[in-house]
Amino acid sequence: MVALPSRVLVISLRRIGDLLLTTPLIRSLRRAWPDSEIDVLVFANTAGILAGNPDINRIISMPQRPTMAE
């Protein structure tokens, strides 16, 4: 028997179009593993695109050009 993942991290850090293309992937992951926690790592300026998506547990955003302190 194959163990199901308990957590999944989807990383989409480039352009808005790339992020939009990941939304069907996220939906497919949710259907395949409904009990898994699905997090998405994105740039801060695109995080709003995913806000309210019921298939995502947490949106992790990072600045497009992080400083040394970040």
Protein backbone atom coordinates (compact mmCIF):
# COMPACT_ATOMS: atom_id res chain seq x y z
CA MET A 1 0.00 0.00 0.00
CA VAL A 2 1.30 3.46 -0.93
CA ALA A 3 1.32 6.11 1.79
CA LEU A 4 -0.59 9.27 0.93
CA PRO A 5 1.20 12.57 1.46
CA SER A 6 0.07 14.51 4.51
CA ARG A 7 1.49 17.79 3.17
CA VAL A 8 2.07 19.17 -0.32
CA LEU A 9 3.93 22.35 -1.26
CA VAL A 10 3.28 23.87 -4.68
CA ILE A 11 5.87 26.46 -5.71
CA SER A 12 4.97 29.03 -8.35
CA LEU A 13 7.38 31.95 -8.28
CA ARG A 14 7.47 33.37 -11.76
CA ARG A 15 4.80 35.13 -13.74
CA ILE A 16 1.08 35.56 -13.14
CA GLY A 17 0.28 33.27 -16.08
CA ASP A 18 2.36 30.50 -14.54
CA LEU A 19 0.47 30.92 -11.30
CA LEU A 20 -2.88 30.74 -13.08
CA LEU A 21 -1.79 27.52 -14.78
CA THR A 22 -1.05 25.94 -11.39
CA THR A 23 -4.67 26.30 -10.22
CA PRO A 24 -5.87 23.19 -12.13
CA LEU A 25 -2.88 21.32 -10.67
CA ILE A 26 -3.89 22.38 -7.16
CA ARG A 27 -7.47 21.23 -7.80
CA SER A 28 -6.18 17.86 -9.04
CA LEU A 29 -3.99 17.48 -5.96
CA ARG A 30 -6.98 18.21 -3.72
CA ARG A 31 -9.10 15.61 -5.52
CA ALA A 32 -6.32 13.00 -5.34
CA TRP A 33 -5.43 13.67 -1.70
CA PRO A 34 -8.42 15.32 -0.01
CA ASP A 35 -6.97 14.98 3.49
CA SER A 36 -3.55 16.46 2.66
CA GLU A 37 -2.56 19.97 3.65
CA ILE A 38 -1.82 21.89 0.43
CA ASP A 39 0.31 25.02 0.73
CA VAL A 40 1.39 27.29 -2.11
CA LEU A 41 4.56 29.43 -2.22
CA VAL A 42 4.20 32.54 -4.40
CA PHE A 43 5.59 36.04 -4.78
CA ALA A 44 3.75 38.55 -2.62
CA ASN A 45 2.40 40.54 -5.56
CA THR A 46 0.56 37.48 -6.92
CA ALA A 47 -0.77 36.01 -3.66
CA GLY A 48 -4.15 37.73 -4.09
CA ILE A 49 -4.89 35.62 -7.16
CA LEU A 50 -5.16 32.53 -4.96
CA ALA A 51 -6.94 34.17 -2.03
CA GLY A 52 -10.15 32.35 -1.23
CA ASN A 53 -9.23 29.20 -3.17
CA PRO A 54 -10.89 26.40 -1.17
CA ASP A 55 -8.30 23.84 -2.33
CA ILE A 56 -5.44 25.68 -0.60
CA ASN A 57 -4.76 25.48 3.12
CA ARG A 58 -2.13 28.21 3.26
CA ILE A 59 -0.59 30.75 0.90
CA ILE A 60 3.03 31.52 1.69
CA SER A 61 4.25 34.70 0.05
CA MET A 62 7.73 36.07 -0.35
CA PRO A 63 8.96 39.40 -1.71
CA GLN A 64 10.00 39.43 -5.36
CA ARG A 65 13.39 40.80 -4.43
CA PRO A 66 14.09 39.87 -0.81
CA THR A 67 16.60 41.92 1.13
CA MET A 68 19.46 40.33 3.03
CA ALA A 69 17.44 40.62 6.26
CA GLU A 70 14.50 38.75 4.75
